[in-house]
């Protein structure tokens, strides 16, 4: 019996090794959702995490394609160290949204079509959604396209639907220039970290349900 179990285990492990590209590719592709035909009141550019520029450019493209009427950016993160410097008289060289506004202008988005929401204490996708939610309610924004990195789209859309407590009108748009490769992510250390982080994040949500 023990010998049969060892043989069976060896066959399973060998199969996993031989077909690793298929199942690893499945893991990578499962992270991605892209509501390609969706239109919304605004594109929301997620600022937590990495690869912010591709997300910003994706929002600009959505605006040019007339899939959104406005773009919402958020930022102005502050640590205790920054707040201490500000108390000592430190003043940033420019206001926090300026660089993003200039990039959007370069790509055909007028400044008056951009909302900038200060989110000093945001540290993850949940707190980002919770911080922006009151702004959406105040301005009667009923539909949004969450613009984020490819690997983050499924989890981001899930979080926003949970925080806003509805399914309708909440879509995801994967940044076209995001470097994530769902069919070869295991060959790149950074992308391995991203995939592990996404699945770990989903497991945490099932366990903690932090939007409650």
N, C-alpha and C. Protein backbone atom coordinates (compact mmCIF):
# COMPACT_ATOMS: atom_id res chain seq x y z
N UNK A 1 0.83 -1.20 0.00
CA UNK A 1 0.00 0.00 0.00
C UNK A 1 0.87 1.26 0.00
N UNK A 2 1.90 1.22 0.87
CA UNK A 2 2.80 2.37 0.96
C UNK A 2 3.56 2.57 -0.35
N UNK A 3 3.95 1.46 -0.99
CA UNK A 3 4.67 1.53 -2.26
C UNK A 3 3.79 2.14 -3.34
N UNK A 4 2.51 1.75 -3.38
CA UNK A 4 1.57 2.29 -4.37
C UNK A 4 1.37 3.79 -4.16
N UNK A 5 1.30 4.21 -2.90
CA UNK A 5 1.13 5.63 -2.59
C UNK A 5 2.33 6.44 -3.05
N UNK A 6 3.53 5.89 -2.86
CA UNK A 6 4.74 6.57 -3.30
C UNK A 6 4.78 6.69 -4.82
N UNK A 7 4.38 5.62 -5.50
CA UNK A 7 4.35 5.65 -6.97
C UNK A 7 3.33 6.67 -7.47
N UNK A 8 2.15 6.68 -6.83
CA UNK A 8 1.10 7.64 -7.21
C UNK A 8 1.58 9.08 -6.99
N UNK A 9 2.22 9.33 -5.86
CA UNK A 9 2.74 10.66 -5.56
C UNK A 9 3.79 11.08 -6.58
N UNK A 10 4.66 10.13 -6.93
CA UNK A 10 5.70 10.42 -7.91
C UNK A 10 5.10 10.76 -9.27
N UNK A 11 4.05 10.06 -9.65
CA UNK A 11 3.38 10.32 -10.93
C UNK A 11 2.77 11.72 -10.93
N UNK A 12 2.13 12.07 -9.82
CA UNK A 12 1.50 13.39 -9.70
C UNK A 12 2.56 14.49 -9.80
N UNK A 13 3.66 14.33 -9.07
CA UNK A 13 4.72 15.34 -9.08
C UNK A 13 5.36 15.45 -10.46
N UNK A 14 5.56 14.29 -11.12
CA UNK A 14 6.13 14.30 -12.46
C UNK A 14 5.20 15.00 -13.44
N UNK A 15 3.90 14.75 -13.31
CA UNK A 15 2.91 15.38 -14.18
C UNK A 15 2.90 16.89 -13.98
N UNK A 16 2.97 17.30 -12.72
CA UNK A 16 3.00 18.73 -12.42
C UNK A 16 4.22 19.39 -13.03
N UNK A 17 5.35 18.67 -12.99
CA UNK A 17 6.59 19.22 -13.56
C UNK A 17 6.49 19.32 -15.08
N UNK A 18 5.99 18.27 -15.72
CA UNK A 18 5.91 18.25 -17.18
C UNK A 18 4.95 19.30 -17.70
N UNK A 19 3.82 19.44 -17.01
CA UNK A 19 2.78 20.36 -17.47
C UNK A 19 2.77 21.67 -16.68
N UNK A 20 3.93 22.02 -16.10
CA UNK A 20 3.99 23.20 -15.22
C UNK A 20 3.60 24.48 -15.95
N UNK A 21 3.98 24.60 -17.23
CA UNK A 21 3.66 25.82 -17.96
C UNK A 21 2.15 26.02 -18.05
N UNK A 22 1.42 24.92 -18.19
CA UNK A 22 -0.03 25.01 -18.33
C UNK A 22 -0.69 25.47 -17.04
N UNK A 23 -0.35 24.80 -15.91
CA UNK A 23 -1.04 25.15 -14.67
C UNK A 23 -0.51 26.44 -14.07
N UNK A 24 0.76 26.73 -14.28
CA UNK A 24 1.28 28.02 -13.81
C UNK A 24 0.70 29.16 -14.63
N UNK A 25 0.54 28.91 -15.94
CA UNK A 25 -0.11 29.91 -16.78
C UNK A 25 -1.55 30.15 -16.37
N UNK A 26 -2.21 29.07 -15.98
CA UNK A 26 -3.60 29.21 -15.51
C UNK A 26 -3.65 30.09 -14.27
N UNK A 27 -2.70 29.90 -13.36
CA UNK A 27 -2.66 30.72 -12.14
C UNK A 27 -2.47 32.19 -12.49
N UNK A 28 -1.60 32.47 -13.46
CA UNK A 28 -1.36 33.85 -13.86
C UNK A 28 -2.55 34.47 -14.55
N UNK A 29 -3.15 33.75 -15.48
CA UNK A 29 -4.29 34.28 -16.23
C UNK A 29 -5.53 34.44 -15.36
N UNK A 30 -5.66 33.63 -14.32
CA UNK A 30 -6.83 33.72 -13.45
C UNK A 30 -6.86 35.02 -12.66
N UNK A 31 -5.74 35.69 -12.54
CA UNK A 31 -5.69 36.96 -11.80
C UNK A 31 -6.25 38.12 -12.61
N UNK A 32 -6.39 37.93 -13.92
CA UNK A 32 -6.72 39.04 -14.81
C UNK A 32 -8.19 39.04 -15.21
N UNK A 33 -8.83 40.19 -15.02
CA UNK A 33 -10.14 40.43 -15.61
C UNK A 33 -10.06 41.77 -16.35
N UNK A 34 -10.76 41.86 -17.45
CA UNK A 34 -10.70 43.09 -18.25
C UNK A 34 -12.06 43.32 -18.89
N UNK A 35 -12.80 44.27 -18.33
CA UNK A 35 -14.14 44.56 -18.84
C UNK A 35 -14.01 45.47 -20.06
N UNK A 36 -13.70 44.86 -21.19
CA UNK A 36 -13.30 45.60 -22.39
C UNK A 36 -14.39 46.48 -22.98
N UNK A 37 -15.64 46.12 -22.80
CA UNK A 37 -16.73 46.90 -23.40
C UNK A 37 -17.42 47.83 -22.41
N UNK A 38 -16.94 47.86 -21.19
CA UNK A 38 -17.60 48.66 -20.16
C UNK A 38 -17.35 50.16 -20.37
N UNK A 39 -18.37 50.94 -20.05
CA UNK A 39 -18.26 52.40 -20.01
C UNK A 39 -18.68 52.85 -18.63
N UNK A 40 -18.11 53.97 -18.17
CA UNK A 40 -18.39 54.40 -16.81
C UNK A 40 -18.31 55.92 -16.68
N UNK A 41 -18.79 56.40 -15.55
CA UNK A 41 -18.71 57.84 -15.27
C UNK A 41 -17.26 58.28 -15.11
N UNK A 42 -16.44 57.42 -14.51
CA UNK A 42 -15.05 57.81 -14.24
C UNK A 42 -14.12 56.61 -14.23
N UNK A 43 -12.88 56.84 -14.61
CA UNK A 43 -11.82 55.86 -14.43
C UNK A 43 -11.09 56.21 -13.14
N UNK A 44 -10.88 55.23 -12.29
CA UNK A 44 -10.15 55.44 -11.05
C UNK A 44 -8.79 54.79 -11.17
N UNK A 45 -7.75 55.59 -11.06
CA UNK A 45 -6.38 55.09 -11.18
C UNK A 45 -5.89 54.68 -9.80
N UNK A 46 -5.67 53.39 -9.59
CA UNK A 46 -5.19 52.93 -8.29
C UNK A 46 -3.73 53.32 -8.11
N UNK A 47 -3.42 53.81 -6.92
CA UNK A 47 -2.07 54.34 -6.68
C UNK A 47 -1.24 53.48 -5.75
N UNK A 48 -1.85 52.54 -5.05
CA UNK A 48 -1.06 51.67 -4.19
C UNK A 48 -0.37 50.61 -5.04
N UNK A 49 0.78 50.13 -4.59
CA UNK A 49 1.49 49.12 -5.35
C UNK A 49 2.51 49.73 -6.31
N UNK A 50 2.76 49.00 -7.39
CA UNK A 50 3.81 49.40 -8.34
C UNK A 50 3.21 49.70 -9.70
N UNK A 51 4.06 50.17 -10.60
CA UNK A 51 3.67 50.38 -12.00
C UNK A 51 2.50 51.34 -12.13
N UNK A 52 2.64 52.51 -11.50
CA UNK A 52 1.57 53.50 -11.54
C UNK A 52 1.39 54.11 -12.93
N UNK A 53 2.49 54.38 -13.63
CA UNK A 53 2.42 55.05 -14.92
C UNK A 53 1.57 54.29 -15.94
N UNK A 54 1.74 52.97 -16.12
CA UNK A 54 0.86 52.26 -17.07
C UNK A 54 -0.61 52.39 -16.71
N UNK A 55 -0.92 52.45 -15.43
CA UNK A 55 -2.31 52.61 -14.99
C UNK A 55 -2.83 53.99 -15.39
N UNK A 56 -2.00 55.00 -15.21
CA UNK A 56 -2.40 56.36 -15.56
C UNK A 56 -2.62 56.50 -17.06
N UNK A 57 -1.73 55.90 -17.85
CA UNK A 57 -1.86 55.96 -19.30
C UNK A 57 -3.08 55.19 -19.78
N UNK A 58 -3.42 54.11 -19.08
CA UNK A 58 -4.62 53.36 -19.44
C UNK A 58 -5.86 54.21 -19.22
N UNK A 59 -5.88 54.96 -18.13
CA UNK A 59 -7.01 55.85 -17.85
C UNK A 59 -7.14 56.91 -18.94
N UNK A 60 -6.00 57.45 -19.38
CA UNK A 60 -6.02 58.45 -20.45
C UNK A 60 -6.60 57.85 -21.73
N UNK A 61 -6.25 56.61 -22.02
CA UNK A 61 -6.77 55.95 -23.22
C UNK A 61 -8.28 55.72 -23.11
N UNK A 62 -8.73 55.36 -21.93
CA UNK A 62 -10.17 55.19 -21.71
C UNK A 62 -10.92 56.49 -21.97
N UNK A 63 -10.32 57.60 -21.55
CA UNK A 63 -10.94 58.91 -21.77
C UNK A 63 -10.98 59.22 -23.27
N UNK A 64 -9.87 58.99 -23.96
CA UNK A 64 -9.81 59.28 -25.39
C UNK A 64 -10.77 58.38 -26.19
N UNK A 65 -10.99 57.17 -25.68
CA UNK A 65 -11.91 56.25 -26.35
C UNK A 65 -13.37 56.52 -25.97
N UNK A 66 -13.57 57.58 -25.18
CA UNK A 66 -14.93 57.97 -24.73
C UNK A 66 -15.62 56.89 -23.91
N UNK A 67 -14.82 56.12 -23.20
CA UNK A 67 -15.40 55.10 -22.33
C UNK A 67 -15.63 55.64 -20.92
N UNK A 68 -14.98 56.76 -20.58
CA UNK A 68 -15.22 57.44 -19.30
C UNK A 68 -15.32 58.93 -19.55
N UNK A 69 -16.02 59.62 -18.66
CA UNK A 69 -16.17 61.06 -18.78
C UNK A 69 -15.10 61.81 -18.01
N UNK A 70 -14.60 61.19 -16.95
CA UNK A 70 -13.58 61.83 -16.12
C UNK A 70 -12.59 60.79 -15.61
N UNK A 71 -11.50 61.30 -15.05
CA UNK A 71 -10.49 60.44 -14.43
C UNK A 71 -10.30 60.88 -12.99
N UNK A 72 -10.23 59.93 -12.09
CA UNK A 72 -9.98 60.21 -10.68
C UNK A 72 -8.64 59.63 -10.28
N UNK A 73 -7.76 60.50 -9.78
CA UNK A 73 -6.48 60.05 -9.26
C UNK A 73 -6.45 60.30 -7.76
N UNK A 74 -5.60 59.58 -7.06
CA UNK A 74 -5.45 59.81 -5.62
C UNK A 74 -3.99 59.66 -5.24
N UNK A 75 -3.62 60.31 -4.16
CA UNK A 75 -2.22 60.27 -3.74
C UNK A 75 -2.01 61.07 -2.48
N UNK A 76 -0.86 61.75 -2.41
CA UNK A 76 -0.51 62.57 -1.24
C UNK A 76 -0.28 61.71 0.00
N UNK A 77 0.31 60.51 -0.19
CA UNK A 77 0.60 59.64 0.94
C UNK A 77 1.58 60.32 1.90
N UNK A 78 1.37 60.12 3.19
CA UNK A 78 2.24 60.75 4.17
C UNK A 78 2.60 59.77 5.29
N UNK A 79 3.88 59.67 5.54
CA UNK A 79 4.36 58.90 6.68
C UNK A 79 4.59 59.84 7.85
N UNK A 80 4.84 59.28 9.01
CA UNK A 80 5.14 60.12 10.18
C UNK A 80 6.37 60.97 9.94
N UNK A 81 7.33 60.43 9.19
CA UNK A 81 8.56 61.19 8.91
C UNK A 81 8.26 62.42 8.07
N UNK A 82 7.38 62.28 7.06
CA UNK A 82 7.01 63.41 6.22
C UNK A 82 6.25 64.45 7.04
N UNK A 83 5.34 64.01 7.88
CA UNK A 83 4.58 64.95 8.70
C UNK A 83 5.50 65.71 9.66
N UNK A 84 6.51 65.03 10.16
CA UNK A 84 7.47 65.69 11.04
C UNK A 84 8.23 66.77 10.30
N UNK A 85 8.63 66.47 9.05
CA UNK A 85 9.34 67.45 8.23
C UNK A 85 8.44 68.65 7.91
N UNK A 86 7.17 68.38 7.65
CA UNK A 86 6.24 69.47 7.35
C UNK A 86 6.08 70.40 8.55
N UNK A 87 6.07 69.85 9.75
CA UNK A 87 5.98 70.68 10.95
C UNK A 87 7.23 71.55 11.12
N UNK A 88 8.33 71.07 10.53
CA UNK A 88 9.58 71.83 10.61
C UNK A 88 9.71 72.84 9.48
N UNK A 89 8.69 72.89 8.60
CA UNK A 89 8.69 73.88 7.53
C UNK A 89 8.89 73.36 6.14
N UNK A 90 9.00 72.05 5.99
CA UNK A 90 9.19 71.47 4.65
C UNK A 90 7.96 71.72 3.78
N UNK A 91 8.18 72.17 2.53
CA UNK A 91 7.12 72.36 1.55
C UNK A 91 7.53 71.63 0.27
N UNK A 92 6.71 70.72 -0.25
CA UNK A 92 7.06 70.01 -1.48
C UNK A 92 7.29 70.97 -2.64
N UNK A 93 8.07 70.53 -3.61
CA UNK A 93 8.40 71.38 -4.76
C UNK A 93 7.17 71.72 -5.58
N UNK A 94 6.17 70.83 -5.59
CA UNK A 94 4.92 71.10 -6.29
C UNK A 94 3.81 70.32 -5.60
N UNK A 95 2.58 70.67 -5.88
CA UNK A 95 1.45 69.96 -5.29
C UNK A 95 1.44 68.51 -5.79
N UNK A 96 0.96 67.62 -4.94
CA UNK A 96 1.12 66.19 -5.20
C UNK A 96 0.53 65.71 -6.53
N UNK A 97 -0.60 66.24 -7.04
CA UNK A 97 -1.12 65.67 -8.30
C UNK A 97 -0.49 66.23 -9.56
N UNK A 98 0.43 67.19 -9.42
CA UNK A 98 0.91 67.93 -10.58
C UNK A 98 1.53 67.04 -11.66
N UNK A 99 2.39 66.13 -11.28
CA UNK A 99 3.03 65.27 -12.29
C UNK A 99 2.00 64.44 -13.06
N UNK A 100 1.04 63.87 -12.34
CA UNK A 100 0.00 63.08 -13.00
C UNK A 100 -0.84 63.94 -13.93
N UNK A 101 -1.16 65.15 -13.49
CA UNK A 101 -1.95 66.06 -14.32
C UNK A 101 -1.22 66.40 -15.61
N UNK A 102 0.08 66.62 -15.52
CA UNK A 102 0.86 66.96 -16.71
C UNK A 102 0.93 65.78 -17.68
N UNK A 103 1.09 64.58 -17.14
CA UNK A 103 1.13 63.39 -17.99
C UNK A 103 -0.21 63.19 -18.69
N UNK A 104 -1.29 63.35 -17.95
CA UNK A 104 -2.62 63.21 -18.55
C UNK A 104 -2.86 64.27 -19.63
N UNK A 105 -2.40 65.49 -19.37
CA UNK A 105 -2.53 66.56 -20.37
C UNK A 105 -1.80 66.19 -21.65
N UNK A 106 -0.60 65.63 -21.50
CA UNK A 106 0.19 65.21 -22.66
C UNK A 106 -0.55 64.17 -23.49
N UNK A 107 -1.44 63.43 -22.85
CA UNK A 107 -2.17 62.35 -23.52
C UNK A 107 -3.63 62.71 -23.77
N UNK A 108 -3.90 64.01 -23.83
CA UNK A 108 -5.20 64.45 -24.30
C UNK A 108 -6.31 64.58 -23.28
N UNK A 109 -5.96 64.60 -21.99
CA UNK A 109 -6.98 64.72 -20.95
C UNK A 109 -6.89 66.12 -20.31
N UNK A 110 -7.88 66.97 -20.49
CA UNK A 110 -7.85 68.31 -19.89
C UNK A 110 -7.86 68.22 -18.36
N UNK A 111 -7.23 69.18 -17.72
CA UNK A 111 -7.16 69.19 -16.26
C UNK A 111 -8.54 69.21 -15.61
N UNK A 112 -9.47 69.92 -16.25
CA UNK A 112 -10.78 70.04 -15.65
C UNK A 112 -11.56 68.72 -15.69
N UNK A 113 -11.02 67.74 -16.38
CA UNK A 113 -11.66 66.44 -16.45
C UNK A 113 -11.04 65.44 -15.46
N UNK A 114 -10.17 65.96 -14.59
CA UNK A 114 -9.48 65.09 -13.63
C UNK A 114 -9.85 65.50 -12.20
N UNK A 115 -10.27 64.53 -11.42
CA UNK A 115 -10.46 64.73 -9.99
C UNK A 115 -9.23 64.22 -9.26
N UNK A 116 -8.75 64.98 -8.29
CA UNK A 116 -7.60 64.57 -7.48
C UNK A 116 -8.03 64.48 -6.02
N UNK A 117 -7.99 63.28 -5.47
CA UNK A 117 -8.44 63.03 -4.11
C UNK A 117 -7.23 62.76 -3.22
N UNK A 118 -7.04 63.59 -2.21
CA UNK A 118 -5.95 63.38 -1.26
C UNK A 118 -6.26 62.17 -0.39
N UNK A 119 -5.31 61.26 -0.32
CA UNK A 119 -5.50 60.03 0.46
C UNK A 119 -4.23 59.77 1.26
N UNK A 120 -4.04 60.55 2.31
CA UNK A 120 -2.77 60.55 3.04
C UNK A 120 -2.46 59.23 3.72
N UNK A 121 -3.47 58.55 4.23
CA UNK A 121 -3.22 57.38 5.07
C UNK A 121 -3.59 56.06 4.40
N UNK A 122 -3.73 56.06 3.10
CA UNK A 122 -4.05 54.84 2.37
C UNK A 122 -2.81 53.94 2.29
N UNK A 123 -3.01 52.65 2.52
CA UNK A 123 -1.87 51.73 2.50
C UNK A 123 -2.13 50.46 1.69
N UNK A 124 -3.39 50.25 1.27
CA UNK A 124 -3.69 49.08 0.45
C UNK A 124 -4.96 49.32 -0.35
N UNK A 125 -5.38 48.33 -1.12
CA UNK A 125 -6.54 48.49 -2.00
C UNK A 125 -7.82 48.74 -1.21
N UNK A 126 -7.97 48.08 -0.07
CA UNK A 126 -9.18 48.26 0.73
C UNK A 126 -9.28 49.68 1.26
N UNK A 127 -8.21 50.17 1.87
CA UNK A 127 -8.25 51.53 2.42
C UNK A 127 -8.35 52.58 1.31
N UNK A 128 -7.82 52.27 0.14
CA UNK A 128 -7.94 53.18 -0.99
C UNK A 128 -9.41 53.31 -1.41
N UNK A 129 -10.10 52.18 -1.51
CA UNK A 129 -11.52 52.20 -1.87
C UNK A 129 -12.35 52.88 -0.79
N UNK A 130 -12.05 52.60 0.46
CA UNK A 130 -12.79 53.20 1.57
C UNK A 130 -12.61 54.71 1.61
N UNK A 131 -11.42 55.19 1.26
CA UNK A 131 -11.14 56.63 1.28
C UNK A 131 -11.85 57.35 0.14
N UNK A 132 -11.91 56.72 -1.02
CA UNK A 132 -12.51 57.35 -2.20
C UNK A 132 -14.03 57.23 -2.21
N UNK A 133 -14.57 56.25 -1.54
CA UNK A 133 -16.02 55.99 -1.54
C UNK A 133 -16.85 57.24 -1.23
N UNK A 134 -16.55 58.02 -0.18
CA UNK A 134 -17.35 59.21 0.12
C UNK A 134 -17.34 60.23 -1.02
N UNK A 135 -16.22 60.35 -1.72
CA UNK A 135 -16.14 61.28 -2.86
C UNK A 135 -17.08 60.83 -3.97
N UNK A 136 -17.12 59.54 -4.22
CA UNK A 136 -18.01 59.01 -5.25
C UNK A 136 -19.46 59.28 -4.90
N UNK A 137 -19.80 59.07 -3.65
CA UNK A 137 -21.18 59.29 -3.21
C UNK A 137 -21.56 60.76 -3.29
N UNK A 138 -20.66 61.63 -2.86
CA UNK A 138 -20.93 63.07 -2.86
C UNK A 138 -21.14 63.60 -4.27
N UNK A 139 -20.40 63.04 -5.23
CA UNK A 139 -20.47 63.54 -6.61
C UNK A 139 -21.36 62.69 -7.52
N UNK A 140 -22.16 61.82 -6.91
CA UNK A 140 -23.11 60.99 -7.65
C UNK A 140 -22.46 60.21 -8.79
N UNK A 141 -21.31 59.63 -8.51
CA UNK A 141 -20.61 58.80 -9.49
C UNK A 141 -21.12 57.38 -9.33
N UNK A 142 -21.89 56.93 -10.30
CA UNK A 142 -22.58 55.65 -10.18
C UNK A 142 -21.84 54.48 -10.81
N UNK A 143 -20.90 54.76 -11.70
CA UNK A 143 -20.16 53.68 -12.35
C UNK A 143 -18.69 54.06 -12.47
N UNK A 144 -17.82 53.08 -12.27
CA UNK A 144 -16.37 53.35 -12.31
C UNK A 144 -15.65 52.22 -13.04
N UNK A 145 -14.56 52.60 -13.69
CA UNK A 145 -13.62 51.65 -14.29
C UNK A 145 -12.34 51.70 -13.48
N UNK A 146 -12.05 50.65 -12.75
CA UNK A 146 -10.85 50.61 -11.92
C UNK A 146 -9.66 50.29 -12.82
N UNK A 147 -8.74 51.23 -12.92
CA UNK A 147 -7.58 51.06 -13.79
C UNK A 147 -6.37 50.64 -12.95
N UNK A 148 -5.86 49.45 -13.23
CA UNK A 148 -4.78 48.94 -12.41
C UNK A 148 -3.92 47.97 -13.21
N UNK A 149 -2.90 47.41 -12.56
CA UNK A 149 -2.01 46.46 -13.22
C UNK A 149 -2.77 45.17 -13.55
N UNK A 150 -2.32 44.49 -14.58
CA UNK A 150 -3.02 43.28 -15.04
C UNK A 150 -3.22 42.29 -13.90
N UNK A 151 -2.16 41.98 -13.16
CA UNK A 151 -2.23 40.96 -12.13
C UNK A 151 -3.14 41.35 -10.97
N UNK A 152 -3.47 42.64 -10.87
CA UNK A 152 -4.24 43.14 -9.73
C UNK A 152 -5.73 43.36 -10.06
N UNK A 153 -6.12 43.15 -11.32
CA UNK A 153 -7.48 43.52 -11.73
C UNK A 153 -8.57 42.73 -11.01
N UNK A 154 -8.41 41.43 -10.92
CA UNK A 154 -9.48 40.62 -10.30
C UNK A 154 -9.65 40.99 -8.83
N UNK A 155 -8.56 41.06 -8.10
CA UNK A 155 -8.65 41.37 -6.68
C UNK A 155 -9.15 42.79 -6.46
N UNK A 156 -8.70 43.74 -7.29
CA UNK A 156 -9.13 45.13 -7.15
C UNK A 156 -10.63 45.27 -7.38
N UNK A 157 -11.12 44.64 -8.44
CA UNK A 157 -12.56 44.73 -8.72
C UNK A 157 -13.37 44.09 -7.60
N UNK A 158 -12.88 42.98 -7.10
CA UNK A 158 -13.55 42.29 -5.98
C UNK A 158 -13.63 43.20 -4.76
N UNK A 159 -12.52 43.85 -4.43
CA UNK A 159 -12.48 44.74 -3.26
C UNK A 159 -13.43 45.91 -3.43
N UNK A 160 -13.39 46.55 -4.58
CA UNK A 160 -14.25 47.71 -4.80
C UNK A 160 -15.72 47.34 -4.75
N UNK A 161 -16.07 46.19 -5.27
CA UNK A 161 -17.46 45.76 -5.19
C UNK A 161 -17.87 45.49 -3.75
N UNK A 162 -16.95 44.97 -2.95
CA UNK A 162 -17.25 44.73 -1.55
C UNK A 162 -17.38 46.04 -0.77
N UNK A 163 -16.45 46.95 -0.98
CA UNK A 163 -16.46 48.22 -0.25
C UNK A 163 -17.67 49.07 -0.63
N UNK A 164 -18.01 49.11 -1.93
CA UNK A 164 -19.16 49.89 -2.37
C UNK A 164 -20.47 49.12 -2.21
N UNK A 165 -20.36 47.85 -1.84
CA UNK A 165 -21.51 47.01 -1.53
C UNK A 165 -22.48 46.86 -2.70
N UNK A 166 -21.92 46.65 -3.88
CA UNK A 166 -22.74 46.38 -5.06
C UNK A 166 -21.87 45.79 -6.16
N UNK A 167 -22.53 45.15 -7.12
CA UNK A 167 -21.84 44.53 -8.25
C UNK A 167 -21.92 45.39 -9.51
N UNK A 168 -23.09 45.99 -9.72
CA UNK A 168 -23.32 46.74 -10.95
C UNK A 168 -22.50 48.03 -11.00
N UNK A 169 -22.00 48.35 -12.17
CA UNK A 169 -21.33 49.62 -12.37
C UNK A 169 -19.90 49.68 -11.87
N UNK A 170 -19.32 48.55 -11.50
CA UNK A 170 -17.93 48.53 -11.03
C UNK A 170 -17.16 47.57 -11.93
N UNK A 171 -16.26 48.14 -12.72
CA UNK A 171 -15.54 47.36 -13.72
C UNK A 171 -14.04 47.51 -13.53
N UNK A 172 -13.29 46.68 -14.23
CA UNK A 172 -11.83 46.74 -14.18
C UNK A 172 -11.26 46.90 -15.58
N UNK A 173 -10.18 47.67 -15.68
CA UNK A 173 -9.49 47.85 -16.96
C UNK A 173 -8.00 47.63 -16.72
N UNK A 174 -7.46 46.59 -17.33
CA UNK A 174 -6.05 46.26 -17.16
C UNK A 174 -5.17 47.19 -17.97
N UNK A 175 -4.12 47.70 -17.37
CA UNK A 175 -3.20 48.60 -18.05
C UNK A 175 -2.50 47.86 -19.19
N UNK A 176 -2.68 48.36 -20.40
CA UNK A 176 -2.14 47.69 -21.59
C UNK A 176 -0.61 47.58 -21.56
N UNK A 177 0.04 48.61 -20.98
CA UNK A 177 1.51 48.62 -20.95
C UNK A 177 2.11 47.98 -19.71
N UNK A 178 1.28 47.40 -18.88
CA UNK A 178 1.78 46.72 -17.69
C UNK A 178 2.64 45.53 -18.11
N UNK A 179 3.82 45.33 -17.52
CA UNK A 179 4.74 44.28 -17.99
C UNK A 179 4.40 42.87 -17.54
N UNK A 180 3.37 42.69 -16.73
CA UNK A 180 3.06 41.35 -16.22
C UNK A 180 2.76 40.37 -17.36
N UNK A 181 3.39 39.21 -17.31
CA UNK A 181 3.21 38.17 -18.32
C UNK A 181 2.57 36.95 -17.66
N UNK A 182 1.26 36.75 -17.85
CA UNK A 182 0.58 35.65 -17.17
C UNK A 182 1.04 34.27 -17.62
N UNK A 183 1.65 34.18 -18.79
CA UNK A 183 2.10 32.90 -19.31
C UNK A 183 3.58 32.63 -19.08
N UNK A 184 4.21 33.48 -18.28
CA UNK A 184 5.63 33.26 -17.99
C UNK A 184 6.08 33.96 -16.73
N UNK A 185 5.15 34.27 -15.84
CA UNK A 185 5.45 35.05 -14.64
C UNK A 185 6.47 34.38 -13.72
N UNK A 186 6.52 33.05 -13.73
CA UNK A 186 7.42 32.32 -12.83
C UNK A 186 8.88 32.44 -13.22
N UNK A 187 9.15 33.06 -14.37
CA UNK A 187 10.53 33.26 -14.82
C UNK A 187 11.11 34.58 -14.33
N UNK A 188 10.30 35.39 -13.68
CA UNK A 188 10.72 36.72 -13.25
C UNK A 188 10.42 36.87 -11.76
N UNK A 189 11.46 37.17 -10.98
CA UNK A 189 11.31 37.23 -9.53
C UNK A 189 10.27 38.24 -9.08
N UNK A 190 10.24 39.39 -9.72
CA UNK A 190 9.29 40.42 -9.34
C UNK A 190 7.85 39.97 -9.58
N UNK A 191 7.64 39.29 -10.70
CA UNK A 191 6.29 38.84 -11.02
C UNK A 191 5.87 37.66 -10.14
N UNK A 192 6.82 36.85 -9.73
CA UNK A 192 6.52 35.78 -8.77
C UNK A 192 5.99 36.40 -7.48
N UNK A 193 6.63 37.46 -7.03
CA UNK A 193 6.21 38.16 -5.82
C UNK A 193 4.80 38.74 -6.00
N UNK A 194 4.53 39.27 -7.18
CA UNK A 194 3.21 39.85 -7.45
C UNK A 194 2.12 38.78 -7.40
N UNK A 195 2.37 37.64 -8.02
CA UNK A 195 1.37 36.56 -8.04
C UNK A 195 1.13 36.04 -6.63
N UNK A 196 2.20 35.82 -5.89
CA UNK A 196 2.05 35.33 -4.52
C UNK A 196 1.28 36.34 -3.67
N UNK A 197 1.56 37.61 -3.89
CA UNK A 197 0.87 38.66 -3.14
C UNK A 197 -0.61 38.70 -3.43
N UNK A 198 -0.98 38.49 -4.70
CA UNK A 198 -2.40 38.52 -5.07
C UNK A 198 -3.16 37.36 -4.45
N UNK A 199 -2.61 36.17 -4.55
CA UNK A 199 -3.30 35.01 -3.97
C UNK A 199 -3.30 35.08 -2.45
N UNK A 200 -2.23 35.61 -1.89
CA UNK A 200 -2.19 35.80 -0.44
C UNK A 200 -3.22 36.83 0.01
N UNK A 201 -3.37 37.90 -0.80
CA UNK A 201 -4.35 38.93 -0.49
C UNK A 201 -5.76 38.39 -0.53
N UNK A 202 -6.09 37.58 -1.53
CA UNK A 202 -7.42 36.99 -1.63
C UNK A 202 -7.69 36.07 -0.44
N UNK A 203 -6.70 35.31 -0.03
CA UNK A 203 -6.86 34.42 1.13
C UNK A 203 -7.13 35.25 2.39
N UNK A 204 -6.43 36.37 2.52
CA UNK A 204 -6.62 37.25 3.67
C UNK A 204 -8.04 37.82 3.69
N UNK A 205 -8.57 38.18 2.51
CA UNK A 205 -9.92 38.74 2.45
C UNK A 205 -10.96 37.71 2.89
N UNK A 206 -10.77 36.46 2.47
CA UNK A 206 -11.70 35.40 2.87
C UNK A 206 -11.66 35.22 4.39
N UNK A 207 -10.47 35.37 4.96
CA UNK A 207 -10.30 35.15 6.38
C UNK A 207 -10.77 36.34 7.21
N UNK A 208 -10.34 37.55 6.85
CA UNK A 208 -10.58 38.73 7.67
C UNK A 208 -11.79 39.57 7.28
N UNK A 209 -12.11 39.63 5.96
CA UNK A 209 -13.17 40.49 5.45
C UNK A 209 -12.99 41.93 5.96
N UNK A 210 -11.89 42.59 5.59
CA UNK A 210 -11.50 43.88 6.16
C UNK A 210 -12.42 45.06 5.81
N UNK A 211 -13.35 44.91 4.87
CA UNK A 211 -14.25 46.01 4.49
C UNK A 211 -15.43 46.13 5.46
N UNK A 212 -15.57 45.22 6.38
CA UNK A 212 -16.69 45.26 7.30
C UNK A 212 -16.44 46.29 8.41
